[in-house]
Amino acid sequence: MWTDGPYCESEKIVRNGSKILHTRLTELHQERFEMKLYKQRYLCKECLKTWSARTDIVEEGHTLSHQLKRSVLHMAREGITATGIARICHCSPSSVIRIIDEAVELKSRVARLPENLCFDEFRSVNSTMSFICCDAEGMTSWLFLKTD
């Protein structure tokens, strides 16, 4: 039970019902697997604001579990298409793309290229061709692309 509120730190906290959250977990025997999660709601008698209990299973305001998101990222690393992952995980392709976009941090564009560049195409994992580009003076990697 809460001892102080997240908004005003008052100790006048009472239970205010519960909220049912339908959380999607990873598939079980090729079937969509969903868990009904009952989250306790609270009310602060002093500032009259309400909030829900938090859980480690799912982010606040989301329905896809962390376990499902890790599974999506693992399949994406294996090279499965977004529609294929969506079909396997029983979610939409746009959800798959959003999960991948949230997990991948893209490097920002630079104002200008360095004076000297090194680049090479080489055979990498599973005999696929890859391209790498780096600064010749500082030897900092700029770009690494799989060229399938």
N, C-alpha and C. Protein backbone atom coordinates (compact mmCIF):
# COMPACT_ATOMS: atom_id res chain seq x y z
N MET A 1 0.85 -1.19 0.00
CA MET A 1 0.00 0.00 0.00
C MET A 1 0.88 1.24 0.00
N TRP A 2 0.43 2.27 -0.65
CA TRP A 2 1.17 3.52 -0.74
C TRP A 2 1.18 4.22 0.62
N THR A 3 2.31 4.82 0.96
CA THR A 3 2.37 5.61 2.20
C THR A 3 2.31 7.10 1.89
N ASP A 4 2.74 7.50 0.69
CA ASP A 4 2.63 8.90 0.30
C ASP A 4 2.34 8.97 -1.20
N GLY A 5 1.65 10.01 -1.63
CA GLY A 5 1.23 10.14 -3.02
C GLY A 5 2.36 10.62 -3.92
N PRO A 6 2.33 10.28 -5.21
CA PRO A 6 3.38 10.70 -6.13
C PRO A 6 3.28 12.17 -6.52
N TYR A 7 2.14 12.81 -6.26
CA TYR A 7 1.95 14.21 -6.67
C TYR A 7 2.23 15.19 -5.54
N CYS A 8 1.62 14.98 -4.38
CA CYS A 8 1.74 15.97 -3.30
C CYS A 8 2.41 15.41 -2.05
N GLU A 9 2.77 14.14 -2.05
CA GLU A 9 3.43 13.46 -0.93
C GLU A 9 2.58 13.47 0.35
N SER A 10 1.27 13.49 0.16
CA SER A 10 0.35 13.43 1.29
C SER A 10 0.26 11.99 1.79
N GLU A 11 -0.10 11.83 3.04
CA GLU A 11 -0.27 10.49 3.60
C GLU A 11 -1.74 10.08 3.62
N LYS A 12 -2.63 10.92 3.09
CA LYS A 12 -4.06 10.63 3.07
C LYS A 12 -4.41 9.91 1.77
N ILE A 13 -3.97 8.66 1.65
CA ILE A 13 -4.15 7.86 0.44
C ILE A 13 -5.16 6.76 0.74
N VAL A 14 -6.15 6.60 -0.17
CA VAL A 14 -7.13 5.51 -0.03
C VAL A 14 -7.19 4.73 -1.34
N ARG A 15 -7.61 3.49 -1.23
CA ARG A 15 -7.81 2.67 -2.43
C ARG A 15 -9.01 3.21 -3.19
N ASN A 16 -8.92 3.13 -4.52
CA ASN A 16 -9.99 3.70 -5.35
C ASN A 16 -10.35 2.74 -6.47
N GLY A 17 -10.65 1.51 -6.12
CA GLY A 17 -11.04 0.51 -7.12
C GLY A 17 -9.82 -0.11 -7.80
N SER A 18 -10.08 -0.80 -8.90
CA SER A 18 -8.99 -1.42 -9.65
C SER A 18 -9.24 -1.25 -11.14
N LYS A 19 -8.20 -1.47 -11.90
CA LYS A 19 -8.26 -1.32 -13.35
C LYS A 19 -7.77 -2.63 -13.96
N ILE A 20 -8.52 -3.14 -14.95
CA ILE A 20 -8.12 -4.37 -15.62
C ILE A 20 -7.28 -4.01 -16.83
N LEU A 21 -6.09 -4.58 -16.91
CA LEU A 21 -5.19 -4.35 -18.03
C LEU A 21 -4.96 -5.68 -18.74
N HIS A 22 -5.24 -5.73 -20.02
CA HIS A 22 -5.02 -6.95 -20.81
C HIS A 22 -3.62 -6.88 -21.40
N THR A 23 -2.69 -7.58 -20.77
CA THR A 23 -1.28 -7.53 -21.15
C THR A 23 -0.96 -8.71 -22.05
N ARG A 24 -0.34 -8.42 -23.20
CA ARG A 24 0.03 -9.49 -24.13
C ARG A 24 1.42 -10.01 -23.80
N LEU A 25 1.50 -11.31 -23.63
CA LEU A 25 2.76 -11.99 -23.37
C LEU A 25 3.19 -12.70 -24.65
N THR A 26 4.35 -13.36 -24.62
CA THR A 26 4.78 -14.11 -25.80
C THR A 26 3.83 -15.26 -26.04
N GLU A 27 3.85 -15.77 -27.26
CA GLU A 27 2.89 -16.82 -27.64
C GLU A 27 3.12 -18.10 -26.85
N LEU A 28 2.09 -18.89 -26.74
CA LEU A 28 2.14 -20.18 -26.08
C LEU A 28 1.51 -21.20 -27.02
N HIS A 29 2.29 -22.11 -27.56
CA HIS A 29 1.82 -23.12 -28.52
C HIS A 29 1.13 -22.48 -29.72
N GLN A 30 1.77 -21.47 -30.30
CA GLN A 30 1.28 -20.73 -31.47
C GLN A 30 -0.08 -20.06 -31.24
N GLU A 31 -0.43 -19.78 -30.02
CA GLU A 31 -1.68 -19.11 -29.69
C GLU A 31 -1.37 -17.77 -29.02
N ARG A 32 -2.26 -16.81 -29.24
CA ARG A 32 -2.13 -15.51 -28.57
C ARG A 32 -2.31 -15.73 -27.07
N PHE A 33 -1.39 -15.20 -26.29
CA PHE A 33 -1.40 -15.41 -24.85
C PHE A 33 -1.53 -14.06 -24.17
N GLU A 34 -2.61 -13.88 -23.43
CA GLU A 34 -2.92 -12.61 -22.80
C GLU A 34 -3.16 -12.83 -21.32
N MET A 35 -2.68 -11.90 -20.52
CA MET A 35 -2.86 -11.99 -19.07
C MET A 35 -3.73 -10.83 -18.60
N LYS A 36 -4.74 -11.13 -17.81
CA LYS A 36 -5.55 -10.08 -17.19
C LYS A 36 -4.82 -9.63 -15.94
N LEU A 37 -4.45 -8.37 -15.95
CA LEU A 37 -3.70 -7.83 -14.83
C LEU A 37 -4.59 -6.81 -14.11
N TYR A 38 -4.90 -7.08 -12.86
CA TYR A 38 -5.72 -6.17 -12.07
C TYR A 38 -4.79 -5.21 -11.33
N LYS A 39 -4.84 -3.94 -11.70
CA LYS A 39 -3.98 -2.95 -11.07
C LYS A 39 -4.80 -2.11 -10.10
N GLN A 40 -4.30 -1.98 -8.88
CA GLN A 40 -4.97 -1.21 -7.84
C GLN A 40 -4.91 0.27 -8.17
N ARG A 41 -6.04 0.98 -8.04
CA ARG A 41 -6.09 2.43 -8.23
C ARG A 41 -6.06 3.09 -6.85
N TYR A 42 -5.47 4.29 -6.77
CA TYR A 42 -5.38 5.02 -5.52
C TYR A 42 -5.89 6.44 -5.71
N LEU A 43 -6.36 7.03 -4.62
CA LEU A 43 -6.85 8.41 -4.61
C LEU A 43 -6.21 9.15 -3.44
N CYS A 44 -5.70 10.34 -3.74
CA CYS A 44 -5.16 11.19 -2.69
C CYS A 44 -6.30 12.10 -2.21
N LYS A 45 -6.62 12.03 -0.94
CA LYS A 45 -7.72 12.83 -0.37
C LYS A 45 -7.36 14.32 -0.31
N GLU A 46 -6.09 14.64 -0.37
CA GLU A 46 -5.67 16.03 -0.24
C GLU A 46 -5.71 16.76 -1.59
N CYS A 47 -5.10 16.18 -2.65
CA CYS A 47 -5.07 16.87 -3.94
C CYS A 47 -6.09 16.30 -4.94
N LEU A 48 -6.79 15.22 -4.55
CA LEU A 48 -7.84 14.57 -5.34
C LEU A 48 -7.35 14.01 -6.69
N LYS A 49 -6.07 13.65 -6.76
CA LYS A 49 -5.53 13.02 -7.97
C LYS A 49 -5.52 11.51 -7.77
N THR A 50 -5.67 10.79 -8.90
CA THR A 50 -5.67 9.33 -8.85
C THR A 50 -4.50 8.79 -9.67
N TRP A 51 -4.10 7.56 -9.37
CA TRP A 51 -3.04 6.88 -10.11
C TRP A 51 -3.17 5.38 -9.90
N SER A 52 -2.47 4.63 -10.72
CA SER A 52 -2.49 3.17 -10.65
C SER A 52 -1.18 2.65 -10.09
N ALA A 53 -1.24 1.46 -9.54
CA ALA A 53 -0.03 0.79 -9.09
C ALA A 53 0.83 0.47 -10.32
N ARG A 54 2.13 0.41 -10.14
CA ARG A 54 3.04 0.10 -11.24
C ARG A 54 3.47 -1.35 -11.18
N THR A 55 3.87 -1.88 -12.34
CA THR A 55 4.34 -3.26 -12.42
C THR A 55 5.57 -3.32 -13.32
N ASP A 56 6.40 -4.33 -13.12
CA ASP A 56 7.59 -4.53 -13.95
C ASP A 56 7.27 -5.30 -15.22
N ILE A 57 6.07 -5.83 -15.36
CA ILE A 57 5.70 -6.68 -16.50
C ILE A 57 5.50 -5.86 -17.76
N VAL A 58 4.93 -4.66 -17.62
CA VAL A 58 4.58 -3.84 -18.78
C VAL A 58 4.83 -2.37 -18.45
N GLU A 59 5.18 -1.57 -19.47
CA GLU A 59 5.36 -0.13 -19.27
C GLU A 59 4.01 0.52 -18.98
N GLU A 60 4.06 1.64 -18.30
CA GLU A 60 2.84 2.38 -17.98
C GLU A 60 2.20 2.88 -19.28
N GLY A 61 0.91 2.61 -19.45
CA GLY A 61 0.18 3.05 -20.64
C GLY A 61 0.32 2.12 -21.84
N HIS A 62 1.01 0.98 -21.69
CA HIS A 62 1.21 0.04 -22.79
C HIS A 62 0.54 -1.29 -22.47
N THR A 63 0.30 -2.10 -23.50
CA THR A 63 -0.29 -3.42 -23.28
C THR A 63 0.66 -4.55 -23.67
N LEU A 64 1.71 -4.27 -24.43
CA LEU A 64 2.67 -5.30 -24.82
C LEU A 64 3.73 -5.45 -23.73
N SER A 65 3.92 -6.68 -23.25
CA SER A 65 4.84 -6.91 -22.14
C SER A 65 6.30 -6.75 -22.58
N HIS A 66 7.18 -6.56 -21.59
CA HIS A 66 8.61 -6.48 -21.86
C HIS A 66 9.10 -7.78 -22.49
N GLN A 67 8.55 -8.90 -22.04
CA GLN A 67 8.91 -10.21 -22.56
C GLN A 67 8.60 -10.30 -24.06
N LEU A 68 7.44 -9.82 -24.47
CA LEU A 68 7.05 -9.82 -25.88
C LEU A 68 7.97 -8.90 -26.69
N LYS A 69 8.29 -7.74 -26.14
CA LYS A 69 9.17 -6.80 -26.84
C LYS A 69 10.57 -7.39 -27.04
N ARG A 70 11.09 -8.10 -26.02
CA ARG A 70 12.39 -8.77 -26.17
C ARG A 70 12.33 -9.84 -27.25
N SER A 71 11.22 -10.55 -27.31
CA SER A 71 11.03 -11.58 -28.32
C SER A 71 11.00 -10.97 -29.73
N VAL A 72 10.32 -9.83 -29.88
CA VAL A 72 10.26 -9.12 -31.17
C VAL A 72 11.66 -8.70 -31.60
N LEU A 73 12.44 -8.14 -30.68
CA LEU A 73 13.80 -7.70 -31.01
C LEU A 73 14.70 -8.87 -31.38
N HIS A 74 14.54 -10.00 -30.69
CA HIS A 74 15.33 -11.19 -31.00
C HIS A 74 15.01 -11.68 -32.42
N MET A 75 13.73 -11.72 -32.78
CA MET A 75 13.34 -12.15 -34.12
C MET A 75 13.83 -11.17 -35.19
N ALA A 76 13.82 -9.88 -34.87
CA ALA A 76 14.30 -8.87 -35.82
C ALA A 76 15.80 -9.06 -36.07
N ARG A 77 16.56 -9.40 -35.03
CA ARG A 77 17.99 -9.65 -35.20
C ARG A 77 18.24 -10.88 -36.05
N GLU A 78 17.31 -11.83 -36.03
CA GLU A 78 17.44 -13.04 -36.84
C GLU A 78 17.08 -12.80 -38.30
N GLY A 79 16.56 -11.61 -38.61
CA GLY A 79 16.26 -11.26 -39.99
C GLY A 79 14.84 -11.53 -40.44
N ILE A 80 13.94 -11.80 -39.51
CA ILE A 80 12.54 -12.04 -39.85
C ILE A 80 11.88 -10.70 -40.16
N THR A 81 11.03 -10.65 -41.15
CA THR A 81 10.37 -9.40 -41.55
C THR A 81 9.38 -8.94 -40.48
N ALA A 82 9.02 -7.66 -40.54
CA ALA A 82 8.08 -7.09 -39.56
C ALA A 82 6.72 -7.78 -39.63
N THR A 83 6.24 -8.09 -40.84
CA THR A 83 4.94 -8.78 -40.95
C THR A 83 5.04 -10.21 -40.44
N GLY A 84 6.18 -10.84 -40.65
CA GLY A 84 6.38 -12.20 -40.12
C GLY A 84 6.40 -12.21 -38.61
N ILE A 85 7.10 -11.25 -38.02
CA ILE A 85 7.16 -11.14 -36.56
C ILE A 85 5.76 -10.84 -36.01
N ALA A 86 5.03 -9.95 -36.68
CA ALA A 86 3.67 -9.60 -36.24
C ALA A 86 2.77 -10.83 -36.26
N ARG A 87 2.89 -11.64 -37.28
CA ARG A 87 2.08 -12.85 -37.39
C ARG A 87 2.42 -13.83 -36.26
N ILE A 88 3.71 -13.98 -35.97
CA ILE A 88 4.16 -14.92 -34.93
C ILE A 88 3.75 -14.42 -33.54
N CYS A 89 3.92 -13.12 -33.29
CA CYS A 89 3.68 -12.55 -31.96
C CYS A 89 2.24 -12.07 -31.74
N HIS A 90 1.40 -12.18 -32.78
CA HIS A 90 -0.02 -11.77 -32.68
C HIS A 90 -0.16 -10.30 -32.30
N CYS A 91 0.58 -9.46 -33.02
CA CYS A 91 0.43 -8.01 -32.86
C CYS A 91 0.53 -7.38 -34.25
N SER A 92 0.35 -6.10 -34.37
CA SER A 92 0.35 -5.44 -35.67
C SER A 92 1.78 -5.17 -36.15
N PRO A 93 1.99 -5.12 -37.48
CA PRO A 93 3.31 -4.78 -38.01
C PRO A 93 3.78 -3.40 -37.55
N SER A 94 2.85 -2.46 -37.38
CA SER A 94 3.24 -1.13 -36.91
C SER A 94 3.75 -1.19 -35.47
N SER A 95 3.21 -2.09 -34.64
CA SER A 95 3.72 -2.28 -33.28
C SER A 95 5.13 -2.83 -33.31
N VAL A 96 5.38 -3.78 -34.22
CA VAL A 96 6.72 -4.36 -34.37
C VAL A 96 7.71 -3.28 -34.76
N ILE A 97 7.36 -2.46 -35.74
CA ILE A 97 8.25 -1.38 -36.19
C ILE A 97 8.50 -0.37 -35.08
N ARG A 98 7.46 -0.04 -34.30
CA ARG A 98 7.61 0.90 -33.19
C ARG A 98 8.56 0.33 -32.13
N ILE A 99 8.44 -0.97 -31.81
CA ILE A 99 9.31 -1.61 -30.82
C ILE A 99 10.76 -1.55 -31.29
N ILE A 100 10.98 -1.84 -32.56
CA ILE A 100 12.34 -1.81 -33.11
C ILE A 100 12.89 -0.39 -33.10
N ASP A 101 12.07 0.59 -33.51
CA ASP A 101 12.51 1.99 -33.54
C ASP A 101 12.86 2.50 -32.14
N GLU A 102 12.10 2.07 -31.13
CA GLU A 102 12.39 2.50 -29.76
C GLU A 102 13.69 1.91 -29.24
N ALA A 103 14.03 0.70 -29.71
CA ALA A 103 15.22 0.01 -29.22
C ALA A 103 16.50 0.43 -29.94
N VAL A 104 16.38 0.87 -31.19
CA VAL A 104 17.55 1.21 -31.99
C VAL A 104 17.80 2.71 -31.90
N GLU A 105 19.01 3.06 -31.54
CA GLU A 105 19.39 4.47 -31.48
C GLU A 105 20.21 4.79 -32.72
N LEU A 106 19.63 5.59 -33.60
CA LEU A 106 20.32 5.97 -34.83
C LEU A 106 21.30 7.10 -34.56
N LYS A 107 22.44 7.02 -35.23
CA LYS A 107 23.41 8.09 -35.12
C LYS A 107 22.90 9.30 -35.88
N SER A 108 23.15 10.48 -35.34
CA SER A 108 22.70 11.70 -36.00
C SER A 108 23.61 12.03 -37.17
N ARG A 109 23.10 12.83 -38.07
CA ARG A 109 23.88 13.25 -39.22
C ARG A 109 24.96 14.23 -38.78
N VAL A 110 26.04 14.24 -39.52
CA VAL A 110 27.12 15.17 -39.22
C VAL A 110 27.05 16.34 -40.18
N ALA A 111 27.61 17.47 -39.76
CA ALA A 111 27.57 18.68 -40.59
C ALA A 111 28.43 18.52 -41.84
N ARG A 112 29.59 17.88 -41.70
CA ARG A 112 30.44 17.66 -42.87
C ARG A 112 31.25 16.39 -42.66
N LEU A 113 31.68 15.80 -43.76
CA LEU A 113 32.48 14.59 -43.72
C LEU A 113 33.93 14.94 -43.40
N PRO A 114 34.67 13.99 -42.80
CA PRO A 114 36.09 14.25 -42.56
C PRO A 114 36.86 14.30 -43.89
N GLU A 115 38.05 14.85 -43.85
CA GLU A 115 38.84 15.02 -45.06
C GLU A 115 39.26 13.67 -45.66
N ASN A 116 39.61 12.71 -44.80
CA ASN A 116 40.05 11.39 -45.26
C ASN A 116 39.12 10.31 -44.72
N LEU A 117 38.59 9.50 -45.62
CA LEU A 117 37.68 8.40 -45.25
C LEU A 117 38.29 7.06 -45.64
N CYS A 118 38.00 6.05 -44.82
CA CYS A 118 38.34 4.66 -45.16
C CYS A 118 37.02 3.92 -45.31
N PHE A 119 36.91 3.09 -46.34
CA PHE A 119 35.71 2.28 -46.47
C PHE A 119 36.08 0.94 -47.08
N ASP A 120 35.28 -0.06 -46.75
CA ASP A 120 35.57 -1.41 -47.22
C ASP A 120 34.28 -2.22 -47.23
N GLU A 121 34.25 -3.16 -48.15
CA GLU A 121 33.17 -4.14 -48.19
C GLU A 121 33.81 -5.47 -47.85
N PHE A 122 33.20 -6.21 -46.94
CA PHE A 122 33.81 -7.46 -46.50
C PHE A 122 32.74 -8.51 -46.22
N ARG A 123 33.17 -9.77 -46.19
CA ARG A 123 32.28 -10.88 -45.90
C ARG A 123 32.18 -11.02 -44.38
N SER A 124 30.95 -10.95 -43.86
CA SER A 124 30.75 -11.01 -42.41
C SER A 124 29.98 -12.27 -42.04
N VAL A 125 29.15 -12.20 -41.04
CA VAL A 125 28.42 -13.34 -40.49
C VAL A 125 27.58 -14.04 -41.57
N ASN A 126 27.59 -15.36 -41.56
CA ASN A 126 26.82 -16.20 -42.50
C ASN A 126 27.12 -15.87 -43.96
N SER A 127 28.34 -15.49 -44.24
CA SER A 127 28.81 -15.20 -45.61
C SER A 127 28.06 -14.06 -46.29
N THR A 128 27.45 -13.16 -45.51
CA THR A 128 26.81 -11.99 -46.11
C THR A 128 27.83 -10.88 -46.24
N MET A 129 27.62 -10.02 -47.21
CA MET A 129 28.54 -8.92 -47.43
C MET A 129 28.11 -7.72 -46.58
N SER A 130 29.10 -7.01 -46.02
CA SER A 130 28.84 -5.84 -45.19
C SER A 130 29.74 -4.70 -45.65
N PHE A 131 29.34 -3.48 -45.34
CA PHE A 131 30.07 -2.27 -45.70
C PHE A 131 30.37 -1.49 -44.44
N ILE A 132 31.61 -1.03 -44.29
CA ILE A 132 31.98 -0.20 -43.14
C ILE A 132 32.70 1.04 -43.63
N CYS A 133 32.44 2.15 -42.95
CA CYS A 133 33.05 3.43 -43.30
C CYS A 133 33.54 4.08 -42.02
N CYS A 134 34.78 4.62 -42.02
CA CYS A 134 35.29 5.27 -40.81
C CYS A 134 36.20 6.44 -41.16
N ASP A 135 36.44 7.25 -40.17
CA ASP A 135 37.34 8.41 -40.29
C ASP A 135 38.77 7.88 -40.30
N ALA A 136 39.59 8.23 -41.31
CA ALA A 136 40.94 7.72 -41.46
C ALA A 136 41.89 8.26 -40.39
N GLU A 137 41.65 9.45 -39.89
CA GLU A 137 42.56 10.03 -38.91
C GLU A 137 42.24 9.60 -37.49
N GLY A 138 40.98 9.70 -37.08
CA GLY A 138 40.59 9.34 -35.72
C GLY A 138 40.22 7.88 -35.59
N MET A 139 40.03 7.17 -36.72
CA MET A 139 39.63 5.77 -36.77
C MET A 139 38.34 5.51 -35.99
N THR A 140 37.41 6.46 -36.03
CA THR A 140 36.11 6.26 -35.41
C THR A 140 35.15 5.76 -36.48
N SER A 141 34.42 4.71 -36.16
CA SER A 141 33.48 4.11 -37.11
C SER A 141 32.28 5.01 -37.33
N TRP A 142 31.89 5.18 -38.58
CA TRP A 142 30.76 6.04 -38.93
C TRP A 142 29.54 5.26 -39.33
N LEU A 143 29.77 4.21 -40.12
CA LEU A 143 28.65 3.54 -40.74
C LEU A 143 28.97 2.08 -40.92
N PHE A 144 28.01 1.21 -40.60
CA PHE A 144 28.17 -0.22 -40.81
C PHE A 144 26.85 -0.73 -41.38
N LEU A 145 26.89 -1.24 -42.60
CA LEU A 145 25.68 -1.71 -43.28
C LEU A 145 25.84 -3.15 -43.71
N LYS A 146 24.78 -3.93 -43.53
CA LYS A 146 24.71 -5.28 -44.10
C LYS A 146 24.18 -5.12 -45.52
N THR A 147 24.85 -5.70 -46.49
CA THR A 147 24.42 -5.53 -47.88
C THR A 147 23.71 -6.75 -48.44
N ASP A 148 23.41 -7.74 -47.63
CA ASP A 148 22.70 -8.97 -48.03
C ASP A 148 22.96 -9.30 -49.46
